[in-house]
Amino acid sequence: MTAAMVQINSADNVSGPGFKSMFAIGLTLFAITFLMNLASNRVAAHYREEYD
């Protein structure tokens, strides 16, 4: 996905569906990263030892 963004961004055409799809790809990467972080925080919280 990142390689596709670089390829689109290196083109001289700054309008059209190719350039606009770069933002969709970026949003998708952000969403995947955000969801993975949420999942890892839940797993860490589940297995975290609590000391009183």
PDB file of N, CA and C in Angstrom:
ATOM      1  N   MET A   1       0.818  -1.182   0.000  1.00  0.00           N
ATOM      2  CA  MET A   1       0.000   0.000   0.000  1.00  0.00           C
ATOM      3  C   MET A   1       0.869   1.256   0.000  1.00  0.00           C
ATOM      4  N   THR A   2       1.907   1.237   0.802  1.00  0.00           N
ATOM      5  CA  THR A   2       2.778   2.403   0.849  1.00  0.00           C
ATOM      6  C   THR A   2       3.484   2.603  -0.486  1.00  0.00           C
ATOM      7  N   ALA A   3       3.870   1.511  -1.112  1.00  0.00           N
ATOM      8  CA  ALA A   3       4.515   1.612  -2.418  1.00  0.00           C
ATOM      9  C   ALA A   3       3.562   2.211  -3.448  1.00  0.00           C
ATOM     10  N   ALA A   4       2.296   1.881  -3.350  1.00  0.00           N
ATOM     11  CA  ALA A   4       1.308   2.468  -4.269  1.00  0.00           C
ATOM     12  C   ALA A   4       1.189   3.959  -4.040  1.00  0.00           C
ATOM     13  N   MET A   5       1.261   4.381  -2.768  1.00  0.00           N
ATOM     14  CA  MET A   5       1.188   5.819  -2.480  1.00  0.00           C
ATOM     15  C   MET A   5       2.396   6.546  -3.062  1.00  0.00           C
ATOM     16  N   VAL A   6       3.562   5.965  -2.947  1.00  0.00           N
ATOM     17  CA  VAL A   6       4.774   6.590  -3.495  1.00  0.00           C
ATOM     18  C   VAL A   6       4.681   6.662  -5.006  1.00  0.00           C
ATOM     19  N   GLN A   7       4.194   5.607  -5.632  1.00  0.00           N
ATOM     20  CA  GLN A   7       4.069   5.600  -7.088  1.00  0.00           C
ATOM     21  C   GLN A   7       3.078   6.657  -7.559  1.00  0.00           C
ATOM     22  N   ILE A   8       1.971   6.793  -6.862  1.00  0.00           N
ATOM     23  CA  ILE A   8       0.974   7.799  -7.237  1.00  0.00           C
ATOM     24  C   ILE A   8       1.520   9.193  -7.007  1.00  0.00           C
ATOM     25  N   ASN A   9       2.211   9.384  -5.901  1.00  0.00           N
ATOM     26  CA  ASN A   9       2.720  10.701  -5.546  1.00  0.00           C
ATOM     27  C   ASN A   9       3.866  11.139  -6.455  1.00  0.00           C
ATOM     28  N   SER A  10       4.600  10.182  -7.029  1.00  0.00           N
ATOM     29  CA  SER A  10       5.719  10.553  -7.898  1.00  0.00           C
ATOM     30  C   SER A  10       5.249  10.969  -9.296  1.00  0.00           C
ATOM     31  N   ALA A  11       4.000  10.731  -9.618  1.00  0.00           N
ATOM     32  CA  ALA A  11       3.466  11.135 -10.921  1.00  0.00           C
ATOM     33  C   ALA A  11       3.256  12.645 -10.937  1.00  0.00           C
ATOM     34  N   ASP A  12       3.301  13.215 -12.109  1.00  0.00           N
ATOM     35  CA  ASP A  12       3.131  14.656 -12.254  1.00  0.00           C
ATOM     36  C   ASP A  12       1.668  15.083 -12.171  1.00  0.00           C
ATOM     37  N   ASN A  13       0.775  14.169 -12.328  1.00  0.00           N
ATOM     38  CA  ASN A  13      -0.652  14.486 -12.313  1.00  0.00           C
ATOM     39  C   ASN A  13      -1.109  14.647 -10.860  1.00  0.00           C
ATOM     40  N   VAL A  14      -1.524  15.857 -10.488  1.00  0.00           N
ATOM     41  CA  VAL A  14      -1.933  16.116  -9.105  1.00  0.00           C
ATOM     42  C   VAL A  14      -3.452  16.171  -8.956  1.00  0.00           C
ATOM     43  N   SER A  15      -4.159  15.697  -9.940  1.00  0.00           N
ATOM     44  CA  SER A  15      -5.617  15.647  -9.840  1.00  0.00           C
ATOM     45  C   SER A  15      -6.073  14.308 -10.400  1.00  0.00           C
ATOM     46  N   GLY A  16      -7.321  14.033 -10.195  1.00  0.00           N
ATOM     47  CA  GLY A  16      -7.876  12.803 -10.735  1.00  0.00           C
ATOM     48  C   GLY A  16      -7.980  11.717  -9.690  1.00  0.00           C
ATOM     49  N   PRO A  17      -8.497  10.573 -10.114  1.00  0.00           N
ATOM     50  CA  PRO A  17      -8.746   9.499  -9.161  1.00  0.00           C
ATOM     51  C   PRO A  17      -7.468   8.889  -8.579  1.00  0.00           C
ATOM     52  N   GLY A  18      -6.384   8.909  -9.324  1.00  0.00           N
ATOM     53  CA  GLY A  18      -5.132   8.357  -8.803  1.00  0.00           C
ATOM     54  C   GLY A  18      -4.618   9.122  -7.606  1.00  0.00           C
ATOM     55  N   PHE A  19      -4.655  10.432  -7.703  1.00  0.00           N
ATOM     56  CA  PHE A  19      -4.168  11.264  -6.597  1.00  0.00           C
ATOM     57  C   PHE A  19      -5.118  11.200  -5.414  1.00  0.00           C
ATOM     58  N   LYS A  20      -6.411  11.172  -5.682  1.00  0.00           N
ATOM     59  CA  LYS A  20      -7.393  11.097  -4.604  1.00  0.00           C
ATOM     60  C   LYS A  20      -7.367   9.740  -3.910  1.00  0.00           C
ATOM     61  N   SER A  21      -7.009   8.696  -4.647  1.00  0.00           N
ATOM     62  CA  SER A  21      -6.936   7.371  -4.024  1.00  0.00           C
ATOM     63  C   SER A  21      -5.775   7.288  -3.041  1.00  0.00           C
ATOM     64  N   MET A  22      -4.778   8.155  -3.177  1.00  0.00           N
ATOM     65  CA  MET A  22      -3.670   8.178  -2.231  1.00  0.00           C
ATOM     66  C   MET A  22      -4.185   8.483  -0.826  1.00  0.00           C
ATOM     67  N   PHE A  23      -5.148   9.363  -0.718  1.00  0.00           N
ATOM     68  CA  PHE A  23      -5.720   9.689   0.586  1.00  0.00           C
ATOM     69  C   PHE A  23      -6.533   8.518   1.137  1.00  0.00           C
ATOM     70  N   ALA A  24      -7.214   7.795   0.267  1.00  0.00           N
ATOM     71  CA  ALA A  24      -7.961   6.615   0.707  1.00  0.00           C
ATOM     72  C   ALA A  24      -7.006   5.528   1.205  1.00  0.00           C
ATOM     73  N   ILE A  25      -5.888   5.360   0.517  1.00  0.00           N
ATOM     74  CA  ILE A  25      -4.904   4.382   0.952  1.00  0.00           C
ATOM     75  C   ILE A  25      -4.319   4.793   2.297  1.00  0.00           C
ATOM     76  N   GLY A  26      -4.015   6.071   2.458  1.00  0.00           N
ATOM     77  CA  GLY A  26      -3.480   6.568   3.725  1.00  0.00           C
ATOM     78  C   GLY A  26      -4.467   6.381   4.864  1.00  0.00           C
ATOM     79  N   LEU A  27      -5.732   6.641   4.612  1.00  0.00           N
ATOM     80  CA  LEU A  27      -6.756   6.455   5.625  1.00  0.00           C
ATOM     81  C   LEU A  27      -6.896   4.985   5.993  1.00  0.00           C
ATOM     82  N   THR A  28      -6.803   4.111   5.005  1.00  0.00           N
ATOM     83  CA  THR A  28      -6.860   2.675   5.264  1.00  0.00           C
ATOM     84  C   THR A  28      -5.682   2.230   6.118  1.00  0.00           C
ATOM     85  N   LEU A  29      -4.478   2.703   5.800  1.00  0.00           N
ATOM     86  CA  LEU A  29      -3.307   2.363   6.607  1.00  0.00           C
ATOM     87  C   LEU A  29      -3.457   2.873   8.035  1.00  0.00           C
ATOM     88  N   PHE A  30      -3.993   4.081   8.193  1.00  0.00           N
ATOM     89  CA  PHE A  30      -4.213   4.624   9.529  1.00  0.00           C
ATOM     90  C   PHE A  30      -5.208   3.768  10.300  1.00  0.00           C
ATOM     91  N   ALA A  31      -6.304   3.380   9.660  1.00  0.00           N
ATOM     92  CA  ALA A  31      -7.332   2.582  10.328  1.00  0.00           C
ATOM     93  C   ALA A  31      -6.779   1.221  10.754  1.00  0.00           C
ATOM     94  N   ILE A  32      -6.004   0.590   9.889  1.00  0.00           N
ATOM     95  CA  ILE A  32      -5.414  -0.705  10.231  1.00  0.00           C
ATOM     96  C   ILE A  32      -4.469  -0.563  11.418  1.00  0.00           C
ATOM     97  N   THR A  33      -3.628   0.465  11.403  1.00  0.00           N
ATOM     98  CA  THR A  33      -2.698   0.696  12.501  1.00  0.00           C
ATOM     99  C   THR A  33      -3.443   0.980  13.794  1.00  0.00           C
ATOM    100  N   PHE A  34      -4.488   1.797  13.729  1.00  0.00           N
ATOM    101  CA  PHE A  34      -5.267   2.138  14.912  1.00  0.00           C
ATOM    102  C   PHE A  34      -5.932   0.905  15.506  1.00  0.00           C
ATOM    103  N   LEU A  35      -6.529   0.073  14.662  1.00  0.00           N
ATOM    104  CA  LEU A  35      -7.194  -1.132  15.145  1.00  0.00           C
ATOM    105  C   LEU A  35      -6.194  -2.131  15.730  1.00  0.00           C
ATOM    106  N   MET A  36      -5.025  -2.239  15.128  1.00  0.00           N
ATOM    107  CA  MET A  36      -4.000  -3.140  15.673  1.00  0.00           C
ATOM    108  C   MET A  36      -3.520  -2.651  17.029  1.00  0.00           C
ATOM    109  N   ASN A  37      -3.379  -1.346  17.201  1.00  0.00           N
ATOM    110  CA  ASN A  37      -2.987  -0.796  18.496  1.00  0.00           C
ATOM    111  C   ASN A  37      -4.064  -1.033  19.551  1.00  0.00           C
ATOM    112  N   LEU A  38      -5.313  -0.858  19.195  1.00  0.00           N
ATOM    113  CA  LEU A  38      -6.398  -1.143  20.132  1.00  0.00           C
ATOM    114  C   LEU A  38      -6.391  -2.606  20.552  1.00  0.00           C
ATOM    115  N   ALA A  39      -6.218  -3.485  19.582  1.00  0.00           N
ATOM    116  CA  ALA A  39      -6.199  -4.914  19.890  1.00  0.00           C
ATOM    117  C   ALA A  39      -5.022  -5.274  20.791  1.00  0.00           C
ATOM    118  N   SER A  40      -3.854  -4.709  20.521  1.00  0.00           N
ATOM    119  CA  SER A  40      -2.690  -5.029  21.345  1.00  0.00           C
ATOM    120  C   SER A  40      -2.847  -4.473  22.756  1.00  0.00           C
ATOM    121  N   ASN A  41      -3.475  -3.321  22.913  1.00  0.00           N
ATOM    122  CA  ASN A  41      -3.725  -2.778  24.245  1.00  0.00           C
ATOM    123  C   ASN A  41      -4.696  -3.655  25.028  1.00  0.00           C
ATOM    124  N   ARG A  42      -5.705  -4.192  24.363  1.00  0.00           N
ATOM    125  CA  ARG A  42      -6.652  -5.075  25.039  1.00  0.00           C
ATOM    126  C   ARG A  42      -5.976  -6.373  25.461  1.00  0.00           C
ATOM    127  N   VAL A  43      -5.140  -6.931  24.608  1.00  0.00           N
ATOM    128  CA  VAL A  43      -4.437  -8.165  24.957  1.00  0.00           C
ATOM    129  C   VAL A  43      -3.479  -7.900  26.107  1.00  0.00           C
ATOM    130  N   ALA A  44      -2.758  -6.789  26.057  1.00  0.00           N
ATOM    131  CA  ALA A  44      -1.826  -6.453  27.139  1.00  0.00           C
ATOM    132  C   ALA A  44      -2.559  -6.228  28.450  1.00  0.00           C
ATOM    133  N   ALA A  45      -3.707  -5.577  28.397  1.00  0.00           N
ATOM    134  CA  ALA A  45      -4.487  -5.340  29.611  1.00  0.00           C
ATOM    135  C   ALA A  45      -5.029  -6.649  30.178  1.00  0.00           C
ATOM    136  N   HIS A  46      -5.366  -7.574  29.315  1.00  0.00           N
ATOM    137  CA  HIS A  46      -5.903  -8.849  29.758  1.00  0.00           C
ATOM    138  C   HIS A  46      -4.847  -9.664  30.492  1.00  0.00           C
ATOM    139  N   TYR A  47      -3.612  -9.644  30.013  1.00  0.00           N
ATOM    140  CA  TYR A  47      -2.552 -10.459  30.594  1.00  0.00           C
ATOM    141  C   TYR A  47      -1.683  -9.697  31.597  1.00  0.00           C
ATOM    142  N   ARG A  48      -1.985  -8.454  31.852  1.00  0.00           N
ATOM    143  CA  ARG A  48      -1.202  -7.661  32.779  1.00  0.00           C
ATOM    144  C   ARG A  48      -1.460  -8.127  34.201  1.00  0.00           C
ATOM    145  N   GLU A  49      -0.392  -8.266  34.955  1.00  0.00           N
ATOM    146  CA  GLU A  49      -0.535  -8.630  36.360  1.00  0.00           C
ATOM    147  C   GLU A  49      -0.853  -7.388  37.170  1.00  0.00           C
ATOM    148  N   GLU A  50      -1.799  -7.523  38.062  1.00  0.00           N
ATOM    149  CA  GLU A  50      -2.150  -6.385  38.898  1.00  0.00           C
ATOM    150  C   GLU A  50      -1.643  -6.654  40.313  1.00  0.00           C
ATOM    151  N   TYR A  51      -0.970  -5.659  40.838  1.00  0.00           N
ATOM    152  CA  TYR A  51      -0.434  -5.754  42.180  1.00  0.00           C
ATOM    153  C   TYR A  51      -1.215  -4.832  43.100  1.00  0.00           C
ATOM    154  N   ASP A  52      -1.605  -5.334  44.242  1.00  0.00           N
ATOM    155  CA  ASP A  52      -2.350  -4.522  45.192  1.00  0.00           C
ATOM    156  C   ASP A  52      -1.454  -4.013  46.287  1.00  0.00           C
TER     157      ASP A  52
END
